[in-house]
Amino acid sequence: NLEEGLAGAAEAFCESEVQLSDDKQTVTLSKIFKWYGKDFASKKVDLLRRIAGYQQGEELKQLLDSNPKGLKIKYAEYNWDVNSK
C-alpha cells in the first residue's frame, strides 16, 4: 500500500536525520526541514511535533509536552553526495 510505504519512509528518515542533543535542549534536523519546513507545519514547535510522530521513541514527544518552546533547533549540513547515487 502506498500510504504505508510513505509512512515507513518518513519514519526511517526521521529516525536517521533527527538527533536530540545530550543535554536535551537542541534538536538537530536535516537541512531539508529548513528548506521545506513550511510544507509540514507553520510553526517550529508544530514541525517538531509532526516529526516526533514519526519517531519510534517517546523522548522528543515528552520534551515537547513538558517544555514546547524550550527546545532549540539546529540544522545539519546537507550531504549533497546522496544525490549523486
N, C-alpha and C. Protein backbone atom coordinates (compact mmCIF):
# COMPACT_ATOMS: atom_id res chain seq x y z
N ASN A 1 0.84 -1.17 0.00
CA ASN A 1 0.00 0.00 0.00
C ASN A 1 0.90 1.25 0.00
N LEU A 2 0.53 2.21 -0.80
CA LEU A 2 1.32 3.44 -0.96
C LEU A 2 1.45 4.22 0.34
N GLU A 3 0.35 4.38 1.06
CA GLU A 3 0.37 5.15 2.31
C GLU A 3 1.32 4.53 3.34
N GLU A 4 1.29 3.21 3.45
CA GLU A 4 2.18 2.53 4.39
C GLU A 4 3.64 2.69 3.98
N GLY A 5 3.90 2.65 2.67
CA GLY A 5 5.26 2.83 2.18
C GLY A 5 5.78 4.24 2.47
N LEU A 6 4.93 5.24 2.26
CA LEU A 6 5.33 6.62 2.54
C LEU A 6 5.54 6.84 4.04
N ALA A 7 4.67 6.27 4.85
CA ALA A 7 4.82 6.39 6.30
C ALA A 7 6.12 5.71 6.75
N GLY A 8 6.42 4.57 6.18
CA GLY A 8 7.67 3.87 6.52
C GLY A 8 8.90 4.67 6.13
N ALA A 9 8.84 5.30 4.96
CA ALA A 9 9.96 6.14 4.51
C ALA A 9 10.13 7.36 5.41
N ALA A 10 9.02 7.95 5.83
CA ALA A 10 9.08 9.11 6.73
C ALA A 10 9.66 8.72 8.08
N GLU A 11 9.25 7.56 8.59
CA GLU A 11 9.80 7.08 9.87
C GLU A 11 11.30 6.85 9.77
N ALA A 12 11.73 6.18 8.70
CA ALA A 12 13.15 5.90 8.52
C ALA A 12 13.95 7.20 8.41
N PHE A 13 13.42 8.17 7.68
CA PHE A 13 14.10 9.44 7.52
C PHE A 13 14.22 10.17 8.86
N CYS A 14 13.13 10.24 9.60
CA CYS A 14 13.15 10.95 10.88
C CYS A 14 14.04 10.24 11.90
N GLU A 15 14.10 8.94 11.86
CA GLU A 15 14.98 8.20 12.78
C GLU A 15 16.44 8.49 12.47
N SER A 16 16.78 8.63 11.20
CA SER A 16 18.19 8.82 10.84
C SER A 16 18.62 10.28 10.74
N GLU A 17 17.69 11.19 10.53
CA GLU A 17 18.05 12.59 10.27
C GLU A 17 17.67 13.56 11.37
N VAL A 18 17.19 13.05 12.49
CA VAL A 18 16.78 13.91 13.61
C VAL A 18 17.51 13.42 14.86
N GLN A 19 18.28 14.31 15.48
CA GLN A 19 19.02 13.96 16.69
C GLN A 19 18.72 14.95 17.81
N LEU A 20 18.66 14.41 19.00
CA LEU A 20 18.47 15.22 20.19
C LEU A 20 19.81 15.32 20.91
N SER A 21 20.18 16.52 21.31
CA SER A 21 21.47 16.71 21.99
C SER A 21 21.49 15.99 23.34
N ASP A 22 22.69 15.75 23.82
CA ASP A 22 22.84 15.06 25.11
C ASP A 22 22.18 15.81 26.26
N ASP A 23 22.19 17.15 26.17
CA ASP A 23 21.57 17.94 27.25
C ASP A 23 20.06 18.11 27.05
N LYS A 24 19.54 17.53 25.98
CA LYS A 24 18.09 17.53 25.69
C LYS A 24 17.52 18.93 25.45
N GLN A 25 18.37 19.83 24.95
CA GLN A 25 17.89 21.19 24.72
C GLN A 25 17.90 21.60 23.24
N THR A 26 18.58 20.80 22.41
CA THR A 26 18.69 21.13 21.00
C THR A 26 18.34 19.93 20.13
N VAL A 27 17.51 20.17 19.13
CA VAL A 27 17.18 19.14 18.16
C VAL A 27 17.88 19.51 16.86
N THR A 28 18.66 18.58 16.34
CA THR A 28 19.33 18.80 15.06
C THR A 28 18.52 18.10 13.98
N LEU A 29 18.12 18.87 12.99
CA LEU A 29 17.29 18.36 11.90
C LEU A 29 18.05 18.41 10.58
N SER A 30 17.59 17.62 9.66
CA SER A 30 18.10 17.70 8.29
C SER A 30 17.81 19.09 7.74
N LYS A 31 18.70 19.59 6.93
CA LYS A 31 18.51 20.91 6.30
C LYS A 31 17.23 20.93 5.45
N ILE A 32 16.77 19.77 5.03
CA ILE A 32 15.53 19.68 4.25
C ILE A 32 14.36 20.29 5.03
N PHE A 33 14.36 20.12 6.35
CA PHE A 33 13.29 20.71 7.16
C PHE A 33 13.39 22.23 7.21
N LYS A 34 14.58 22.77 7.02
CA LYS A 34 14.72 24.23 6.96
C LYS A 34 14.19 24.73 5.62
N TRP A 35 14.55 24.03 4.57
CA TRP A 35 14.13 24.45 3.23
C TRP A 35 12.62 24.27 3.01
N TYR A 36 12.06 23.19 3.53
CA TYR A 36 10.66 22.85 3.24
C TYR A 36 9.79 22.76 4.49
N GLY A 37 10.26 23.30 5.59
CA GLY A 37 9.53 23.20 6.85
C GLY A 37 8.11 23.71 6.78
N LYS A 38 7.88 24.78 6.05
CA LYS A 38 6.53 25.36 5.94
C LYS A 38 5.57 24.41 5.23
N ASP A 39 6.10 23.44 4.48
CA ASP A 39 5.24 22.45 3.84
C ASP A 39 4.71 21.44 4.86
N PHE A 40 5.36 21.34 6.01
CA PHE A 40 4.98 20.38 7.04
C PHE A 40 4.22 21.03 8.19
N ALA A 41 4.56 22.27 8.52
CA ALA A 41 3.93 22.97 9.64
C ALA A 41 4.29 24.45 9.58
N SER A 42 3.40 25.30 10.09
CA SER A 42 3.66 26.74 10.03
C SER A 42 4.54 27.23 11.18
N LYS A 43 4.54 26.51 12.31
CA LYS A 43 5.36 26.90 13.46
C LYS A 43 6.39 25.81 13.73
N LYS A 44 7.53 26.24 14.27
CA LYS A 44 8.61 25.27 14.54
C LYS A 44 8.18 24.21 15.55
N VAL A 45 7.43 24.59 16.56
CA VAL A 45 7.00 23.60 17.56
C VAL A 45 6.07 22.58 16.92
N ASP A 46 5.24 23.01 15.98
CA ASP A 46 4.35 22.08 15.29
C ASP A 46 5.15 21.15 14.36
N LEU A 47 6.21 21.67 13.77
CA LEU A 47 7.09 20.84 12.95
C LEU A 47 7.72 19.75 13.81
N LEU A 48 8.21 20.13 15.00
CA LEU A 48 8.81 19.15 15.89
C LEU A 48 7.78 18.11 16.34
N ARG A 49 6.56 18.54 16.58
CA ARG A 49 5.52 17.58 16.96
C ARG A 49 5.24 16.59 15.82
N ARG A 50 5.21 17.11 14.62
CA ARG A 50 4.97 16.23 13.47
C ARG A 50 6.10 15.22 13.30
N ILE A 51 7.33 15.70 13.43
CA ILE A 51 8.49 14.81 13.34
C ILE A 51 8.44 13.77 14.44
N ALA A 52 8.10 14.19 15.66
CA ALA A 52 8.04 13.26 16.80
C ALA A 52 7.04 12.14 16.54
N GLY A 53 6.02 12.43 15.78
CA GLY A 53 5.02 11.41 15.45
C GLY A 53 5.57 10.29 14.58
N TYR A 54 6.68 10.54 13.90
CA TYR A 54 7.30 9.54 13.04
C TYR A 54 8.46 8.81 13.72
N GLN A 55 8.77 9.20 14.94
CA GLN A 55 9.89 8.56 15.63
C GLN A 55 9.41 7.44 16.53
N GLN A 56 10.24 6.42 16.65
CA GLN A 56 9.90 5.25 17.47
C GLN A 56 9.88 5.60 18.95
N GLY A 57 10.86 6.34 19.43
CA GLY A 57 10.96 6.68 20.84
C GLY A 57 9.99 7.78 21.24
N GLU A 58 9.85 7.94 22.53
CA GLU A 58 8.93 8.94 23.08
C GLU A 58 9.64 10.19 23.59
N GLU A 59 10.98 10.19 23.54
CA GLU A 59 11.74 11.25 24.19
C GLU A 59 11.40 12.65 23.65
N LEU A 60 11.38 12.81 22.34
CA LEU A 60 11.07 14.13 21.77
C LEU A 60 9.64 14.52 22.11
N LYS A 61 8.72 13.60 22.03
CA LYS A 61 7.32 13.88 22.38
C LYS A 61 7.21 14.37 23.82
N GLN A 62 7.90 13.69 24.74
CA GLN A 62 7.85 14.06 26.15
C GLN A 62 8.45 15.45 26.39
N LEU A 63 9.55 15.74 25.71
CA LEU A 63 10.15 17.07 25.86
C LEU A 63 9.23 18.16 25.33
N LEU A 64 8.56 17.88 24.23
CA LEU A 64 7.63 18.86 23.67
C LEU A 64 6.43 19.07 24.59
N ASP A 65 6.00 18.01 25.25
CA ASP A 65 4.87 18.13 26.18
C ASP A 65 5.26 18.93 27.42
N SER A 66 6.48 18.75 27.90
CA SER A 66 6.89 19.42 29.13
C SER A 66 7.41 20.85 28.92
N ASN A 67 8.03 21.10 27.76
CA ASN A 67 8.61 22.42 27.53
C ASN A 67 8.67 22.71 26.02
N PRO A 68 7.53 22.93 25.39
CA PRO A 68 7.48 23.03 23.93
C PRO A 68 8.33 24.15 23.32
N LYS A 69 8.47 25.25 24.01
CA LYS A 69 9.23 26.36 23.44
C LYS A 69 10.68 26.38 23.91
N GLY A 70 11.04 25.44 24.77
CA GLY A 70 12.38 25.41 25.31
C GLY A 70 13.41 24.71 24.43
N LEU A 71 12.95 24.02 23.41
CA LEU A 71 13.87 23.31 22.53
C LEU A 71 14.39 24.24 21.43
N LYS A 72 15.69 24.17 21.21
CA LYS A 72 16.30 24.93 20.12
C LYS A 72 16.42 23.99 18.92
N ILE A 73 16.35 24.57 17.74
CA ILE A 73 16.52 23.79 16.51
C ILE A 73 17.81 24.21 15.83
N LYS A 74 18.55 23.21 15.42
CA LYS A 74 19.78 23.41 14.66
C LYS A 74 19.64 22.54 13.41
N TYR A 75 20.25 22.98 12.33
CA TYR A 75 20.14 22.23 11.07
C TYR A 75 21.50 21.69 10.67
N ALA A 76 21.52 20.40 10.36
CA ALA A 76 22.76 19.75 9.92
C ALA A 76 23.06 20.17 8.49
N GLU A 77 24.34 20.15 8.16
CA GLU A 77 24.72 20.42 6.77
C GLU A 77 24.16 19.32 5.89
N TYR A 78 23.67 19.70 4.73
CA TYR A 78 23.12 18.71 3.81
C TYR A 78 24.24 18.00 3.06
N ASN A 79 24.14 16.70 2.95
CA ASN A 79 25.14 15.91 2.23
C ASN A 79 24.69 15.78 0.77
N TRP A 80 25.25 16.62 -0.08
CA TRP A 80 24.86 16.62 -1.50
C TRP A 80 25.30 15.35 -2.22
N ASP A 81 26.22 14.60 -1.64
CA ASP A 81 26.69 13.37 -2.27
C ASP A 81 25.57 12.33 -2.38
N VAL A 82 24.58 12.38 -1.53
CA VAL A 82 23.50 11.41 -1.61
C VAL A 82 22.71 11.55 -2.91
N ASN A 83 22.75 12.73 -3.50
CA ASN A 83 22.03 12.96 -4.75
C ASN A 83 22.74 12.36 -5.95
N SER A 84 24.00 12.05 -5.82
CA SER A 84 24.77 11.54 -6.96
C SER A 84 24.69 10.02 -7.09
N LYS A 85 24.01 9.37 -6.17
CA LYS A 85 23.92 7.90 -6.20
C LYS A 85 22.73 7.44 -6.99
